[in-house]
C-alpha atoms as a PDB file:
ATOM      1  CA  MET A   1    -123.145 -42.943  20.914  1.00  0.00           C
ATOM      2  CA  SER A   2    -119.567 -42.371  20.245  1.00  0.00           C
ATOM      3  CA  LEU A   3    -118.226 -40.152  17.334  1.00  0.00           C
ATOM      4  CA  VAL A   4    -115.272 -41.335  15.595  1.00  0.00           C
ATOM      5  CA  LEU A   5    -112.958 -39.030  12.974  1.00  0.00           C
ATOM      6  CA  SER A   6    -110.289 -40.936  11.440  1.00  0.00           C
ATOM      7  CA  THR A   7    -107.560 -40.235   8.666  1.00  0.00           C
ATOM      8  CA  ASP A   8    -107.159 -43.752   7.916  1.00  0.00           C
ATOM      9  CA  PRO A   9    -109.570 -43.902   4.480  1.00  0.00           C
ATOM     10  CA  LEU A  10    -107.588 -40.906   3.474  1.00  0.00           C
ATOM     11  CA  SER A  11    -103.926 -40.448   1.535  1.00  0.00           C
ATOM     12  CA  ALA A  12    -101.147 -38.942   3.154  1.00  0.00           C
ATOM     13  CA  PRO A  13    -100.811 -35.677   1.661  1.00  0.00           C
ATOM     14  CA  ASP A  14    -104.832 -34.827   2.766  1.00  0.00           C
ATOM     15  CA  ARG A  15    -104.436 -36.603   6.352  1.00  0.00           C
ATOM     16  CA  ALA A  16    -102.800 -33.113   8.149  1.00  0.00           C
ATOM     17  CA  ALA A  17    -105.338 -31.056   6.807  1.00  0.00           C
ATOM     18  CA  TYR A  18    -108.122 -33.335   8.047  1.00  0.00           C
ATOM     19  CA  TRP A  19    -106.408 -33.957  11.409  1.00  0.00           C
ATOM     20  CA  HIS A  20    -106.057 -30.079  12.284  1.00  0.00           C
ATOM     21  CA  ASP A  21    -109.346 -29.290  11.529  1.00  0.00           C
ATOM     22  CA  ALA A  22    -110.364 -32.834  13.871  1.00  0.00           C
ATOM     23  CA  VAL A  23    -108.296 -31.649  16.779  1.00  0.00           C
ATOM     24  CA  SER A  24    -109.809 -28.366  16.726  1.00  0.00           C
ATOM     25  CA  ARG A  25    -113.330 -29.188  16.542  1.00  0.00           C
ATOM     26  CA  THR A  26    -112.945 -32.013  19.534  1.00  0.00           C
ATOM     27  CA  PHE A  27    -111.209 -29.640  21.777  1.00  0.00           C
ATOM     28  CA  VAL A  28    -110.358 -25.896  21.144  1.00  0.00           C
ATOM     29  CA  PRO A  29    -108.588 -24.745  18.477  1.00  0.00           C
ATOM     30  CA  LEU A  30    -105.070 -25.419  18.201  1.00  0.00           C
ATOM     31  CA  GLU A  31    -102.019 -24.958  15.819  1.00  0.00           C
ATOM     32  CA  VAL A  32    -100.905 -28.517  14.665  1.00  0.00           C
ATOM     33  CA  ALA A  33     -97.958 -29.687  13.124  1.00  0.00           C
ATOM     34  CA  LEU A  34     -97.558 -33.372  12.695  1.00  0.00           C
ATOM     35  CA  HIS A  35     -93.652 -35.058  12.680  1.00  0.00           C
ATOM     36  CA  GLU A  36     -94.107 -37.232  10.124  1.00  0.00           C
ATOM     37  CA  GLU A  37     -93.156 -36.816   6.081  1.00  0.00           C
ATOM     38  CA  SER A  38     -95.841 -39.442   5.773  1.00  0.00           C
ATOM     39  CA  PRO A  39     -98.135 -38.970   8.305  1.00  0.00           C
ATOM     40  CA  ALA A  40     -99.826 -42.850   9.768  1.00  0.00           C
ATOM     41  CA  ALA A  41    -103.373 -42.780  10.325  1.00  0.00           C
ATOM     42  CA  ALA A  42    -104.771 -41.181  13.677  1.00  0.00           C
ATOM     43  CA  THR A  43    -108.264 -41.322  15.243  1.00  0.00           C
ATOM     44  CA  ILE A  44    -110.262 -39.555  17.679  1.00  0.00           C
ATOM     45  CA  THR A  45    -113.364 -41.679  19.365  1.00  0.00           C
ATOM     46  CA  SER A  46    -115.450 -39.198  21.384  1.00  0.00           C
ATOM     47  CA  SER A  47    -119.003 -39.453  23.354  1.00  0.00           C
ATOM     48  CA  ARG A  48    -120.320 -36.707  25.776  1.00  0.00           C
ATOM     49  CA  TRP A  49    -120.946 -37.233  29.460  1.00  0.00           C
ATOM     50  CA  GLY A  50    -123.179 -34.915  30.701  1.00  0.00           C
ATOM     51  CA  PHE A  51    -121.026 -31.539  30.662  1.00  0.00           C
ATOM     52  CA  MET A  52    -117.948 -33.620  30.254  1.00  0.00           C
ATOM     53  CA  GLN A  53    -116.560 -34.951  26.784  1.00  0.00           C
ATOM     54  CA  VAL A  54    -114.440 -38.196  26.733  1.00  0.00           C
ATOM     55  CA  SER A  55    -111.701 -38.289  23.872  1.00  0.00           C
ATOM     56  CA  THR A  56    -109.599 -41.314  23.087  1.00  0.00           C
ATOM     57  CA  VAL A  57    -106.942 -40.415  20.504  1.00  0.00           C
ATOM     58  CA  THR A  58    -104.467 -42.365  18.830  1.00  0.00           C
ATOM     59  CA  ALA A  59    -101.983 -41.207  16.296  1.00  0.00           C
ATOM     60  CA  GLY A  60     -98.540 -40.355  15.639  1.00  0.00           C
ATOM     61  CA  PRO A  61     -95.731 -37.585  16.561  1.00  0.00           C
ATOM     62  CA  GLN A  62     -96.667 -34.184  16.432  1.00  0.00           C
ATOM     63  CA  SER A  63     -96.945 -30.514  18.370  1.00  0.00           C
ATOM     64  CA  VAL A  64    -100.011 -28.690  19.197  1.00  0.00           C
ATOM     65  CA  ALA A  65    -100.152 -25.329  20.561  1.00  0.00           C
ATOM     66  CA  ARG A  66    -102.967 -22.771  21.913  1.00  0.00           C
ATOM     67  CA  SER A  67    -101.562 -19.015  21.064  1.00  0.00           C
ATOM     68  CA  PRO A  68    -102.807 -15.898  22.480  1.00  0.00           C
ATOM     69  CA  ARG A  69    -104.165 -15.089  18.784  1.00  0.00           C
ATOM     70  CA  MET A  70    -106.372 -18.322  18.799  1.00  0.00           C
ATOM     71  CA  ILE A  71    -107.328 -17.437  23.012  1.00  0.00           C
ATOM     72  CA  ALA A  72    -108.437 -13.828  21.958  1.00  0.00           C
ATOM     73  CA  ARG A  73    -110.064 -15.493  18.721  1.00  0.00           C
ATOM     74  CA  ASP A  74    -112.292 -18.019  19.913  1.00  0.00           C
ATOM     75  CA  GLY A  75    -112.713 -16.766  23.849  1.00  0.00           C
ATOM     76  CA  LYS A  76    -113.595 -20.563  25.182  1.00  0.00           C
ATOM     77  CA  GLU A  77    -112.721 -21.470  28.247  1.00  0.00           C
ATOM     78  CA  TYR A  78    -112.397 -25.172  28.611  1.00  0.00           C
ATOM     79  CA  LEU A  79    -110.296 -27.426  30.907  1.00  0.00           C
ATOM     80  CA  ILE A  80    -108.437 -30.411  29.581  1.00  0.00           C
ATOM     81  CA  LEU A  81    -107.293 -33.536  31.623  1.00  0.00           C
ATOM     82  CA  THR A  82    -105.219 -35.855  29.755  1.00  0.00           C
ATOM     83  CA  LEU A  83    -104.547 -39.496  30.818  1.00  0.00           C
ATOM     84  CA  LEU A  84    -101.579 -40.573  28.663  1.00  0.00           C
ATOM     85  CA  HIS A  85    -101.805 -44.413  27.817  1.00  0.00           C
ATOM     86  CA  ARG A  86     -98.726 -44.718  25.403  1.00  0.00           C
ATOM     87  CA  GLY A  87     -95.972 -42.453  24.673  1.00  0.00           C
ATOM     88  CA  THR A  88     -94.428 -39.051  26.235  1.00  0.00           C
ATOM     89  CA  ALA A  89     -95.480 -35.864  26.388  1.00  0.00           C
ATOM     90  CA  GLU A  90     -93.718 -32.652  26.846  1.00  0.00           C
ATOM     91  CA  ARG A  91     -95.945 -30.049  28.434  1.00  0.00           C
ATOM     92  CA  SER A  92     -95.911 -26.651  29.138  1.00  0.00           C
ATOM     93  CA  GLN A  93     -98.112 -23.667  30.859  1.00  0.00           C
ATOM     94  CA  ASP A  94     -97.917 -21.061  33.179  1.00  0.00           C
ATOM     95  CA  GLY A  95     -94.216 -20.944  33.094  1.00  0.00           C
ATOM     96  CA  ARG A  96     -93.914 -24.152  33.940  1.00  0.00           C
ATOM     97  CA  GLU A  97     -92.293 -27.057  31.391  1.00  0.00           C
ATOM     98  CA  ALA A  98     -92.867 -31.126  32.392  1.00  0.00           C
ATOM     99  CA  VAL A  99     -92.730 -34.287  30.778  1.00  0.00           C
ATOM    100  CA  VAL A 100     -95.829 -36.595  31.372  1.00  0.00           C
ATOM    101  CA  ARG A 101     -95.095 -40.145  31.027  1.00  0.00           C
ATOM    102  CA  ALA A 102     -97.402 -43.263  30.351  1.00  0.00           C
ATOM    103  CA  GLY A 103     -99.553 -43.968  33.319  1.00  0.00           C
ATOM    104  CA  GLN A 104     -99.534 -40.033  34.559  1.00  0.00           C
ATOM    105  CA  PHE A 105    -102.009 -37.672  33.813  1.00  0.00           C
ATOM    106  CA  SER A 106    -101.827 -33.619  33.599  1.00  0.00           C
ATOM    107  CA  LEU A 107    -104.487 -30.396  33.005  1.00  0.00           C
ATOM    108  CA  SER A 108    -104.327 -27.701  30.245  1.00  0.00           C
ATOM    109  CA  ASP A 109    -105.957 -24.469  30.479  1.00  0.00           C
ATOM    110  CA  SER A 110    -107.628 -23.247  27.505  1.00  0.00           C
ATOM    111  CA  ARG A 111    -107.616 -19.442  28.657  1.00  0.00           C
ATOM    112  CA  ARG A 112    -103.852 -19.033  28.425  1.00  0.00           C
ATOM    113  CA  PRO A 113    -101.381 -20.427  26.047  1.00  0.00           C
ATOM    114  CA  PHE A 114     -99.799 -23.906  26.144  1.00  0.00           C
ATOM    115  CA  SER A 115     -98.089 -26.550  24.117  1.00  0.00           C
ATOM    116  CA  LYS A 116     -97.734 -30.203  24.064  1.00  0.00           C
ATOM    117  CA  THR A 117     -94.955 -32.402  21.905  1.00  0.00           C
ATOM    118  CA  LEU A 118     -95.331 -36.186  21.519  1.00  0.00           C
ATOM    119  CA  ARG A 119     -92.220 -37.340  19.791  1.00  0.00           C
ATOM    120  CA  GLN A 120     -93.329 -40.848  19.638  1.00  0.00           C
ATOM    121  CA  ALA A 121     -96.917 -42.651  18.562  1.00  0.00           C
ATOM    122  CA  PHE A 122     -98.905 -42.156  21.244  1.00  0.00           C
ATOM    123  CA  ARG A 123    -102.529 -42.576  22.828  1.00  0.00           C
ATOM    124  CA  PHE A 124    -103.892 -40.881  25.387  1.00  0.00           C
ATOM    125  CA  THR A 125    -107.710 -40.207  26.803  1.00  0.00           C
ATOM    126  CA  SER A 126    -109.274 -36.341  27.566  1.00  0.00           C
ATOM    127  CA  PHE A 127    -111.502 -35.348  30.013  1.00  0.00           C
ATOM    128  CA  HIS A 128    -112.843 -31.739  28.570  1.00  0.00           C
ATOM    129  CA  PHE A 129    -115.108 -29.758  30.379  1.00  0.00           C
ATOM    130  CA  PRO A 130    -115.987 -25.773  31.172  1.00  0.00           C
ATOM    131  CA  ARG A 131    -113.907 -24.131  33.309  1.00  0.00           C
ATOM    132  CA  SER A 132    -116.775 -23.057  35.357  1.00  0.00           C
ATOM    133  CA  VAL A 133    -117.887 -26.186  36.526  1.00  0.00           C
ATOM    134  CA  LEU A 134    -114.388 -27.024  38.306  1.00  0.00           C
ATOM    135  CA  PRO A 135    -114.760 -25.532  42.206  1.00  0.00           C
ATOM    136  CA  VAL A 136    -111.583 -23.632  42.381  1.00  0.00           C
ATOM    137  CA  SER A 137    -109.318 -20.343  42.232  1.00  0.00           C
ATOM    138  CA  ASP A 138    -107.653 -19.520  39.091  1.00  0.00           C
ATOM    139  CA  THR A 139    -104.973 -19.268  41.778  1.00  0.00           C
ATOM    140  CA  GLU A 140    -104.970 -23.111  42.819  1.00  0.00           C
ATOM    141  CA  LEU A 141    -105.602 -23.713  39.123  1.00  0.00           C
ATOM    142  CA  SER A 142    -102.551 -22.109  37.427  1.00  0.00           C
ATOM    143  CA  GLY A 143    -100.477 -23.816  40.360  1.00  0.00           C
ATOM    144  CA  VAL A 144    -101.412 -27.141  38.719  1.00  0.00           C
ATOM    145  CA  THR A 145    -101.285 -26.967  35.135  1.00  0.00           C
ATOM    146  CA  ALA A 146     -98.431 -28.635  33.023  1.00  0.00           C
ATOM    147  CA  THR A 147     -97.881 -31.085  35.899  1.00  0.00           C
ATOM    148  CA  PRO A 148     -97.382 -34.337  35.931  1.00  0.00           C
ATOM    149  CA  PHE A 149     -99.808 -36.399  38.323  1.00  0.00           C
ATOM    150  CA  GLY A 150     -99.393 -40.103  38.826  1.00  0.00           C
ATOM    151  CA  ARG A 151    -100.007 -43.134  41.495  1.00  0.00           C
ATOM    152  CA  ASP A 152     -97.438 -40.979  44.571  1.00  0.00           C
ATOM    153  CA  GLU A 153     -99.815 -39.714  46.680  1.00  0.00           C
ATOM    154  CA  ALA A 154    -103.347 -40.156  47.880  1.00  0.00           C
ATOM    155  CA  THR A 155    -105.957 -37.973  45.803  1.00  0.00           C
ATOM    156  CA  SER A 156    -103.690 -38.216  42.693  1.00  0.00           C
ATOM    157  CA  ALA A 157    -103.767 -42.038  42.691  1.00  0.00           C
ATOM    158  CA  LEU A 158    -107.227 -41.882  43.453  1.00  0.00           C
ATOM    159  CA  LEU A 159    -108.202 -39.937  40.526  1.00  0.00           C
ATOM    160  CA  ALA A 160    -105.878 -42.186  38.121  1.00  0.00           C
ATOM    161  CA  GLY A 161    -107.667 -45.258  39.069  1.00  0.00           C
ATOM    162  CA  HIS A 162    -110.953 -43.566  38.737  1.00  0.00           C
ATOM    163  CA  LEU A 163    -109.786 -41.883  35.226  1.00  0.00           C
ATOM    164  CA  GLU A 164    -108.358 -45.769  34.268  1.00  0.00           C
ATOM    165  CA  ARG A 165    -111.785 -46.972  34.863  1.00  0.00           C
ATOM    166  CA  LEU A 166    -113.903 -44.586  33.256  1.00  0.00           C
ATOM    167  CA  ASP A 167    -111.770 -45.124  29.989  1.00  0.00           C
ATOM    168  CA  ARG A 168    -112.354 -48.714  30.215  1.00  0.00           C
ATOM    169  CA  ALA A 169    -115.967 -48.435  31.028  1.00  0.00           C
ATOM    170  CA  GLY A 170    -116.265 -46.623  27.217  1.00  0.00           C
ATOM    171  CA  GLY A 171    -119.843 -46.813  26.019  1.00  0.00           C
ATOM    172  CA  SER A 172    -121.125 -48.852  28.734  1.00  0.00           C
ATOM    173  CA  VAL A 173    -121.934 -45.694  30.752  1.00  0.00           C
ATOM    174  CA  THR A 174    -125.412 -44.494  30.501  1.00  0.00           C
ATOM    175  CA  PRO A 175    -126.575 -41.116  30.135  1.00  0.00           C
ATOM    176  CA  ALA A 176    -127.227 -40.753  33.722  1.00  0.00           C
ATOM    177  CA  GLN A 177    -124.416 -42.435  35.040  1.00  0.00           C
ATOM    178  CA  GLY A 178    -122.320 -40.238  32.787  1.00  0.00           C
ATOM    179  CA  ARG A 179    -123.504 -37.139  34.273  1.00  0.00           C
ATOM    180  CA  ARG A 180    -122.992 -38.453  38.053  1.00  0.00           C
ATOM    181  CA  LEU A 181    -119.152 -39.368  37.059  1.00  0.00           C
ATOM    182  CA  ALA A 182    -118.537 -36.283  35.446  1.00  0.00           C
ATOM    183  CA  ALA A 183    -119.774 -34.663  38.708  1.00  0.00           C
ATOM    184  CA  LEU A 184    -117.435 -36.975  40.555  1.00  0.00           C
ATOM    185  CA  THR A 185    -114.710 -36.643  38.242  1.00  0.00           C
ATOM    186  CA  CYS A 186    -114.676 -32.848  38.722  1.00  0.00           C
ATOM    187  CA  ASP A 187    -114.770 -32.853  42.978  1.00  0.00           C
ATOM    188  CA  LEU A 188    -111.781 -35.385  42.485  1.00  0.00           C
ATOM    189  CA  LEU A 189    -109.721 -33.144  40.484  1.00  0.00           C
ATOM    190  CA  ALA A 190    -110.802 -30.173  42.640  1.00  0.00           C
ATOM    191  CA  CYS A 191    -109.366 -31.843  45.940  1.00  0.00           C
ATOM    192  CA  LEU A 192    -106.307 -32.666  43.957  1.00  0.00           C
ATOM    193  CA  ILE A 193    -105.814 -29.075  43.095  1.00  0.00           C
ATOM    194  CA  GLN A 194    -106.566 -27.408  46.453  1.00  0.00           C
ATOM    195  CA  GLU A 195    -104.342 -30.145  48.402  1.00  0.00           C
ATOM    196  CA  ARG A 196    -100.957 -29.003  45.962  1.00  0.00           C
ATOM    197  CA  HIS A 197    -102.154 -25.633  46.859  1.00  0.00           C
ATOM    198  CA  GLY A 198    -101.786 -26.193  50.368  1.00  0.00           C
ATOM    199  CA  ARG A 199    -105.010 -25.453  51.552  1.00  0.00           C
ATOM    200  CA  HIS A 200    -105.280 -29.012  52.967  1.00  0.00           C
ATOM    201  CA  SER A 201    -102.425 -31.662  54.385  1.00  0.00           C
ATOM    202  CA  PRO A 202    -100.515 -33.479  51.867  1.00  0.00           C
ATOM    203  CA  HIS A 203    -102.355 -36.502  52.712  1.00  0.00           C
ATOM    204  CA  PRO A 204    -105.988 -35.640  53.114  1.00  0.00           C
ATOM    205  CA  PRO A 205    -108.101 -37.295  55.594  1.00  0.00           C
ATOM    206  CA  GLU A 206    -110.917 -37.995  53.492  1.00  0.00           C
ATOM    207  CA  ALA A 207    -108.795 -39.142  50.544  1.00  0.00           C
ATOM    208  CA  THR A 208    -106.663 -41.614  52.991  1.00  0.00           C
ATOM    209  CA  HIS A 209    -109.609 -42.954  54.556  1.00  0.00           C
ATOM    210  CA  ALA A 210    -111.645 -43.545  51.220  1.00  0.00           C
ATOM    211  CA  MET A 211    -108.421 -45.579  49.862  1.00  0.00           C
ATOM    212  CA  LEU A 212    -107.926 -47.571  53.045  1.00  0.00           C
ATOM    213  CA  ALA A 213    -111.780 -48.883  52.912  1.00  0.00           C
ATOM    214  CA  ARG A 214    -111.456 -49.783  49.408  1.00  0.00           C
ATOM    215  CA  VAL A 215    -108.331 -51.646  50.180  1.00  0.00           C
ATOM    216  CA  LYS A 216    -109.728 -53.474  53.171  1.00  0.00           C
ATOM    217  CA  ASP A 217    -112.380 -54.612  51.458  1.00  0.00           C
ATOM    218  CA  HIS A 218    -110.665 -55.797  48.404  1.00  0.00           C
ATOM    219  CA  ALA A 219    -108.965 -57.727  50.870  1.00  0.00           C
ATOM    220  CA  LEU A 220    -111.549 -59.553  52.869  1.00  0.00           C
ATOM    221  CA  ARG A 221    -113.530 -59.956  49.288  1.00  0.00           C
ATOM    222  CA  HIS A 222    -110.215 -62.400  48.102  1.00  0.00           C
ATOM    223  CA  LEU A 223    -108.919 -63.883  51.903  1.00  0.00           C
ATOM    224  CA  ALA A 224    -109.516 -67.272  50.035  1.00  0.00           C
ATOM    225  CA  ASP A 225    -106.884 -66.380  47.373  1.00  0.00           C
ATOM    226  CA  PRO A 226    -103.194 -67.501  48.594  1.00  0.00           C
ATOM    227  CA  ASP A 227    -101.740 -65.273  45.884  1.00  0.00           C
ATOM    228  CA  LEU A 228    -103.141 -62.065  47.662  1.00  0.00           C
ATOM    229  CA  THR A 229    -100.279 -60.113  48.586  1.00  0.00           C
ATOM    230  CA  PRO A 230     -99.600 -56.369  48.932  1.00  0.00           C
ATOM    231  CA  ALA A 231     -98.223 -56.232  45.205  1.00  0.00           C
ATOM    232  CA  ALA A 232    -101.522 -57.614  43.829  1.00  0.00           C
ATOM    233  CA  ILE A 233    -103.599 -55.611  46.156  1.00  0.00           C
ATOM    234  CA  ALA A 234    -101.627 -52.271  44.698  1.00  0.00           C
ATOM    235  CA  ALA A 235    -101.789 -53.568  41.108  1.00  0.00           C
ATOM    236  CA  ALA A 236    -105.375 -53.653  41.728  1.00  0.00           C
ATOM    237  CA  HIS A 237    -105.949 -50.433  42.705  1.00  0.00           C
ATOM    238  CA  HIS A 238    -103.250 -48.854  40.276  1.00  0.00           C
ATOM    239  CA  VAL A 239    -100.599 -47.698  43.398  1.00  0.00           C
ATOM    240  CA  SER A 240     -97.394 -48.437  44.527  1.00  0.00           C
ATOM    241  CA  VAL A 241     -96.955 -50.737  47.353  1.00  0.00           C
ATOM    242  CA  ARG A 242     -94.774 -48.050  48.849  1.00  0.00           C
ATOM    243  CA  TYR A 243     -98.349 -46.145  49.078  1.00  0.00           C
ATOM    244  CA  LEU A 244    -100.269 -49.157  50.582  1.00  0.00           C
ATOM    245  CA  HIS A 245     -97.575 -49.534  53.367  1.00  0.00           C
ATOM    246  CA  LYS A 246     -97.920 -45.725  54.306  1.00  0.00           C
ATOM    247  CA  LEU A 247    -102.245 -46.285  54.248  1.00  0.00           C
ATOM    248  CA  PHE A 248    -101.453 -49.139  57.056  1.00  0.00           C
ATOM    249  CA  GLU A 249     -98.802 -46.983  59.149  1.00  0.00           C
ATOM    250  CA  ALA A 250    -101.855 -45.136  61.212  1.00  0.00           C
ATOM    251  CA  GLU A 251    -103.351 -48.899  61.377  1.00  0.00           C
ATOM    252  CA  GLY A 252    -100.216 -49.781  63.776  1.00  0.00           C
ATOM    253  CA  VAL A 253    -100.136 -53.018  61.519  1.00  0.00           C
ATOM    254  CA  THR A 254     -98.875 -53.938  57.997  1.00  0.00           C
ATOM    255  CA  LEU A 255    -100.977 -54.787  55.785  1.00  0.00           C
ATOM    256  CA  ALA A 256     -99.526 -58.476  55.450  1.00  0.00           C
ATOM    257  CA  ARG A 257    -100.362 -59.079  59.224  1.00  0.00           C
ATOM    258  CA  TRP A 258    -103.791 -57.277  58.921  1.00  0.00           C
ATOM    259  CA  ILE A 259    -104.734 -59.897  56.185  1.00  0.00           C
ATOM    260  CA  GLN A 260    -102.944 -62.726  58.188  1.00  0.00           C
ATOM    261  CA  GLN A 261    -105.276 -61.788  61.218  1.00  0.00           C
ATOM    262  CA  ARG A 262    -108.536 -61.666  59.196  1.00  0.00           C
ATOM    263  CA  ARG A 263    -107.909 -64.732  57.791  1.00  0.00           C
ATOM    264  CA  LEU A 264    -107.124 -66.432  61.488  1.00  0.00           C
ATOM    265  CA  GLU A 265    -110.355 -65.405  62.475  1.00  0.00           C
ATOM    266  CA  ARG A 266    -111.716 -66.814  59.624  1.00  0.00           C
ATOM    267  CA  CYS A 267    -110.091 -69.823  60.197  1.00  0.00           C
ATOM    268  CA  ARG A 268    -111.017 -69.625  64.291  1.00  0.00           C
ATOM    269  CA  ALA A 269    -114.813 -69.272  63.580  1.00  0.00           C
ATOM    270  CA  GLU A 270    -114.819 -72.089  60.940  1.00  0.00           C
ATOM    271  CA  LEU A 271    -113.533 -74.575  63.094  1.00  0.00           C
ATOM    272  CA  ALA A 272    -115.309 -73.854  65.759  1.00  0.00           C
ATOM    273  CA  ARG A 273    -118.581 -74.350  63.643  1.00  0.00           C
ATOM    274  CA  THR A 274    -121.264 -77.180  64.548  1.00  0.00           C
ATOM    275  CA  THR A 275    -121.262 -79.844  61.967  1.00  0.00           C
ATOM    276  CA  PRO A 276    -122.341 -83.070  61.491  1.00  0.00           C
ATOM    277  CA  ARG A 277    -118.607 -83.607  60.156  1.00  0.00           C
ATOM    278  CA  ALA A 278    -115.810 -81.865  61.406  1.00  0.00           C
ATOM    279  CA  PRO A 279    -113.471 -80.191  58.576  1.00  0.00           C
ATOM    280  CA  SER A 280    -109.770 -81.151  59.012  1.00  0.00           C
ATOM    281  CA  VAL A 281    -107.518 -78.380  60.045  1.00  0.00           C
ATOM    282  CA  ALA A 282    -105.912 -78.379  56.940  1.00  0.00           C
ATOM    283  CA  THR A 283    -108.862 -78.269  54.569  1.00  0.00           C
ATOM    284  CA  VAL A 284    -109.976 -74.827  56.848  1.00  0.00           C
ATOM    285  CA  ALA A 285    -106.590 -73.740  55.996  1.00  0.00           C
ATOM    286  CA  HIS A 286    -106.195 -74.115  52.842  1.00  0.00           C
ATOM    287  CA  GLN A 287    -109.861 -72.747  52.249  1.00  0.00           C
ATOM    288  CA  TRP A 288    -108.874 -69.383  53.991  1.00  0.00           C
ATOM    289  CA  GLY A 289    -105.632 -68.803  51.905  1.00  0.00           C
ATOM    290  CA  PHE A 290    -102.862 -70.550  53.842  1.00  0.00           C
ATOM    291  CA  ALA A 291    -100.788 -72.252  51.481  1.00  0.00           C
ATOM    292  CA  SER A 292     -98.782 -74.562  54.299  1.00  0.00           C
ATOM    293  CA  SER A 293    -101.276 -76.235  57.470  1.00  0.00           C
ATOM    294  CA  SER A 294     -98.027 -76.089  59.428  1.00  0.00           C
ATOM    295  CA  HIS A 295     -97.177 -72.762  58.932  1.00  0.00           C
ATOM    296  CA  PHE A 296    -101.214 -71.858  59.747  1.00  0.00           C
ATOM    297  CA  SER A 297    -100.819 -74.133  62.577  1.00  0.00           C
ATOM    298  CA  ARG A 298     -97.860 -72.278  64.436  1.00  0.00           C
ATOM    299  CA  VAL A 299     -99.086 -68.378  63.449  1.00  0.00           C
ATOM    300  CA  PHE A 300    -102.840 -69.876  65.045  1.00  0.00           C
ATOM    301  CA  ARG A 301    -101.118 -70.870  68.170  1.00  0.00           C
ATOM    302  CA  HIS A 302     -99.205 -67.482  68.424  1.00  0.00           C
ATOM    303  CA  ALA A 303    -102.194 -65.480  68.061  1.00  0.00           C
ATOM    304  CA  TYR A 304    -104.530 -67.673  70.765  1.00  0.00           C
ATOM    305  CA  GLY A 305    -102.441 -69.848  72.873  1.00  0.00           C
ATOM    306  CA  VAL A 306    -103.589 -72.978  71.364  1.00  0.00           C
ATOM    307  CA  THR A 307    -103.383 -75.068  68.412  1.00  0.00           C
ATOM    308  CA  PRO A 308    -106.219 -75.383  65.431  1.00  0.00           C
ATOM    309  CA  ARG A 309    -106.808 -78.971  66.934  1.00  0.00           C
ATOM    310  CA  GLU A 310    -106.765 -77.911  70.263  1.00  0.00           C
ATOM    311  CA  TRP A 311    -109.153 -75.459  69.611  1.00  0.00           C
ATOM    312  CA  GLN A 312    -111.326 -77.445  67.377  1.00  0.00           C
ATOM    313  CA  ALA A 313    -111.685 -80.242  70.209  1.00  0.00           C
ATOM    314  CA  ALA A 314    -112.453 -77.406  72.943  1.00  0.00           C
ATOM    315  CA  SER A 315    -114.923 -76.197  71.002  1.00  0.00           C
ATOM    316  CA  ALA A 316    -116.684 -79.154  70.237  1.00  0.00           C
ATOM    317  CA  GLY A 317    -116.528 -80.284  73.892  1.00  0.00           C
ATOM    318  CA  ALA A 318    -118.241 -76.903  74.742  1.00  0.00           C
ATOM    319  CA  ARG A 319    -121.156 -77.730  72.375  1.00  0.00           C
END
């Protein structure tokens, strides 16, 4: 069940005090300063997934800060992973300052002072959990706070896509699923933090292999779609086309060529099938995503040394 805190029913003068209390209750005690003379309506929608709290915040321009005094007073040890959907956030912690843009995520540690300024209306989803559940050292953790992460690296791309899917899942997640997803989120975050700290290679094999397997599975399930392109696949997995090309460098073939090879294999098998009425070459080509039967015939002959009609006739003769 979701808990909704909203200033919408309140008059503008009453919204600031209510919002300050709502923010501090949802996350950790924070100093909140609104940047509007007449604050617009703001909303926090939260749900509990095992040890992790997922909260979506929609509000107007404001700043929040966690001071040493607040840390000493409440002693709460939480991590707040925030995925920004709209707006721009200026983050500061552990001697770093960074600008986080829509589509990126960042991390805050409640045990040390931090601040965040959002100068326009914004929307973000935060994943809030105890520090104790994240299996990384304090040195590793302090090296990534107030750092923007996007989709330009393997692990951050995996985590960004995972966070977006969690955000879309919303209230459809069962308690058991929520517990498992919370653990998975922490595992992915730990992998990212350790990678940045240098304990693993810049592109850890397990993350790269997982993404490559997902891309190939997606492509195989959509081979019949003539609009299956690297750009479409990149969009479906929330990564860049450049990153997809890097994934396939180790395969020794481009993504487009890999898709063409898989389509040719399906066509070759289809043309060799024993059926009462043999399908035409054009039908088979269109069935497996080739927009042009003449182009299909050329690439088929280049791959197998015979034309599709010759292969179909030879297969019928063999039968």
